[in-house]
Protein backbone atom coordinates (compact mmCIF):
# COMPACT_ATOMS: atom_id res chain seq x y z
CA MET A 1 -9.09 -32.05 3.49
CA ILE A 2 -6.96 -30.59 0.40
CA SER A 3 -4.50 -28.10 0.95
CA PRO A 4 -5.37 -24.81 -0.28
CA LEU A 5 -2.29 -24.21 -1.96
CA LEU A 6 -3.37 -27.19 -3.92
CA ILE A 7 -6.38 -25.72 -4.74
CA ILE A 8 -5.02 -22.36 -5.44
CA ALA A 9 -2.53 -23.47 -8.10
CA SER A 10 -5.04 -26.03 -9.65
CA ILE A 11 -7.40 -23.00 -10.22
CA THR A 12 -4.36 -21.00 -11.87
CA LEU A 13 -3.42 -24.00 -13.93
CA VAL A 14 -7.00 -24.41 -15.17
CA VAL A 15 -7.60 -20.93 -15.83
CA ALA A 16 -4.23 -20.61 -17.52
CA ILE A 17 -5.00 -23.59 -19.83
CA SER A 18 -8.77 -22.64 -20.41
CA ILE A 19 -8.13 -18.86 -21.99
CA ASN A 20 -5.27 -20.68 -24.13
CA THR A 21 -7.60 -22.86 -25.05
CA ILE A 22 -10.55 -20.65 -25.66
CA PHE A 23 -8.84 -17.92 -27.37
CA LYS A 24 -6.67 -19.97 -29.70
CA SER A 25 -4.37 -17.31 -31.42
CA ASP A 26 -1.92 -16.66 -33.99
CA TYR A 27 1.22 -16.54 -32.09
CA GLY A 28 2.87 -16.84 -35.52
CA TRP A 29 1.38 -13.16 -36.05
CA PHE A 30 3.15 -12.03 -32.67
CA ASN A 31 6.60 -13.88 -33.52
CA ARG A 32 6.84 -12.06 -36.90
CA LEU A 33 6.50 -8.44 -35.64
CA ARG A 34 9.72 -6.47 -35.13
CA ARG A 35 10.95 -6.07 -31.56
CA PRO A 36 13.21 -2.94 -30.00
CA GLN A 37 16.76 -3.50 -30.60
CA TRP A 38 17.22 -3.25 -27.18
CA LEU A 39 15.11 -6.37 -26.17
CA THR A 40 17.61 -8.26 -25.83
CA PHE A 41 16.04 -10.54 -22.79
CA GLU A 42 13.18 -12.06 -24.82
CA TRP A 43 14.31 -15.39 -24.06
CA ALA A 44 14.00 -15.00 -20.37
CA ILE A 45 10.54 -13.66 -20.40
CA PRO A 46 8.84 -17.09 -20.00
CA PHE A 47 11.21 -17.84 -16.89
CA ILE A 48 10.08 -14.34 -15.65
CA TRP A 49 6.65 -15.25 -16.02
CA ILE A 50 6.90 -18.82 -14.36
CA PHE A 51 8.62 -16.84 -11.23
CA VAL A 52 5.66 -14.21 -11.31
CA PHE A 53 3.02 -16.92 -11.35
CA ILE A 54 4.94 -19.06 -8.25
CA GLY A 55 4.87 -15.76 -6.71
CA GLY A 56 0.95 -14.75 -7.23
CA VAL A 57 0.38 -18.49 -6.32
CA TYR A 58 1.96 -18.14 -2.91
CA SER A 59 0.80 -14.62 -2.32
CA ALA A 60 -2.95 -15.48 -2.68
CA TYR A 61 -2.19 -18.97 -0.48
CA GLN A 62 -0.28 -16.53 2.40
CA LEU A 63 -3.55 -14.06 2.29
CA TRP A 64 -5.79 -17.61 2.99
CA ILE A 65 -3.86 -19.10 5.27
CA LYS A 66 -3.95 -15.23 7.39
CA GLN A 67 -7.54 -14.92 7.08
CA PRO A 68 -8.88 -18.61 6.13
CA GLY A 69 -12.54 -18.20 4.80
CA THR A 70 -13.69 -14.68 5.41
CA THR A 71 -15.76 -12.97 3.49
CA ARG A 72 -13.36 -10.39 2.80
CA THR A 73 -10.53 -13.02 1.82
CA TRP A 74 -12.83 -14.74 -0.79
CA LEU A 75 -13.51 -11.38 -2.43
CA LEU A 76 -9.61 -10.74 -2.32
CA MET A 77 -9.63 -14.64 -3.66
CA ALA A 78 -11.87 -13.06 -6.30
CA GLY A 79 -9.28 -9.92 -7.06
CA TYR A 80 -6.72 -12.25 -7.65
CA PHE A 81 -8.73 -14.49 -10.33
CA LEU A 82 -9.52 -11.57 -12.00
CA LEU A 83 -5.50 -10.41 -12.14
CA GLU A 84 -4.79 -14.02 -13.39
CA ILE A 85 -7.73 -13.29 -16.13
CA LEU A 86 -6.11 -10.18 -17.14
CA VAL A 87 -2.46 -11.54 -17.21
CA MET A 88 -3.93 -14.68 -19.42
CA ALA A 89 -6.01 -13.04 -21.47
CA TYR A 90 -3.20 -10.40 -22.88
CA THR A 91 -1.14 -12.53 -25.32
CA PRO A 92 -4.20 -14.71 -26.55
CA VAL A 93 -6.42 -11.61 -27.01
CA MET A 94 -3.70 -9.47 -28.41
CA CYS A 95 -3.25 -11.80 -31.32
CA LYS A 96 -6.59 -13.01 -31.94
CA LEU A 97 -7.17 -9.44 -32.75
CA ARG A 98 -3.74 -8.43 -33.94
CA SER A 99 -3.37 -5.54 -31.66
CA LEU A 100 -0.47 -4.16 -30.12
CA GLN A 101 -2.25 -1.64 -28.67
CA VAL A 102 -5.11 -3.94 -27.29
CA GLY A 103 -2.04 -5.67 -25.87
CA THR A 104 -0.84 -2.45 -24.46
CA ILE A 105 -4.41 -1.53 -22.66
CA ILE A 106 -4.75 -5.33 -21.01
CA GLY A 107 -1.14 -5.13 -19.75
CA ALA A 108 -1.49 -1.79 -18.14
CA THR A 109 -5.10 -2.81 -16.80
CA GLY A 110 -3.56 -6.02 -15.19
CA PHE A 111 -0.62 -3.66 -13.70
CA PHE A 112 -3.26 -0.90 -12.20
CA TRP A 113 -5.39 -3.99 -11.20
CA GLY A 114 -2.35 -5.91 -9.54
CA LEU A 115 -1.63 -2.33 -7.46
CA ILE A 116 -4.84 -1.89 -6.34
CA LEU A 117 -5.27 -5.10 -5.49
CA ALA A 118 -1.67 -5.14 -3.20
CA VAL A 119 -3.37 -1.63 -1.82
CA LEU A 120 -6.30 -3.96 -0.70
CA VAL A 121 -4.23 -6.91 0.75
CA TRP A 122 -1.33 -5.15 2.91
CA PRO A 123 -3.28 -4.45 6.02
CA LEU A 124 -4.25 -8.25 6.34
CA SER A 125 -0.92 -9.79 4.58
CA GLN A 126 2.15 -8.01 4.08
CA GLU A 127 4.29 -11.31 2.97
CA SER A 128 1.18 -11.37 0.18
CA VAL A 129 2.40 -8.09 -1.40
CA PHE A 130 5.88 -8.64 -1.11
CA LEU A 131 4.67 -11.97 -3.09
CA LEU A 132 2.91 -9.91 -6.11
CA LEU A 133 5.83 -7.41 -6.19
CA PRO A 134 7.61 -9.49 -9.28
CA TYR A 135 4.18 -9.00 -11.55
CA LEU A 136 4.24 -5.20 -9.96
CA LEU A 137 7.86 -5.00 -11.30
CA TRP A 138 7.80 -6.65 -14.98
CA SER A 139 4.24 -5.97 -15.73
CA PRO A 140 5.08 -2.43 -16.62
CA ILE A 141 8.26 -3.56 -18.55
CA GLY A 142 6.27 -5.92 -20.48
CA THR A 143 3.68 -3.20 -21.36
CA TYR A 144 6.27 -1.04 -22.04
CA VAL A 145 7.92 -3.55 -24.79
CA THR A 146 4.21 -4.08 -26.12
CA TRP A 147 3.71 0.00 -26.42
CA ALA A 148 7.40 0.20 -27.97
CA MET A 149 6.58 -2.37 -30.37
CA ILE A 150 3.60 -0.40 -31.88
CA SER A 151 6.14 2.41 -33.67
CA LEU A 152 8.21 -0.73 -34.97
CA ASN A 153 4.90 -2.37 -36.54
CA PRO A 154 2.70 0.34 -37.90
CA LEU A 155 -0.01 -2.00 -39.76
CA ASP A 156 -0.39 -3.93 -36.58
CA LYS A 157 -1.16 -1.36 -33.60
């Protein structure tokens, strides 16, 4: 039998690759935008996201091993899937539409969906909620950065 952790990690990877393949974007547009002066940690953002994704995969895995195969768990797995789609859609959709406002909306939607998911998961697995904390802490920061960039790039709102 294939490990649930391997299945969850594989689905995460396939979704990430698929969304970035489907929404081929102009990342050059985003790279040319002005950033807030206080954004001195941009070099760390890819590493932060790797940490966030590992936490999300293990969060889903912890939930699965606590309540394997129940209808409620499958519905929550669908919730994790939706969260990943929102997270992965942020950059390619924002870049494709060349709209920082769209990025801000997607980022905020992902945060609130992550918060709802955490509340729904809490009764079943507090460990899973703990593993979602990196996302719940980072997502508002990333969303705020995008929102702050709107005033610096008025033609790219």
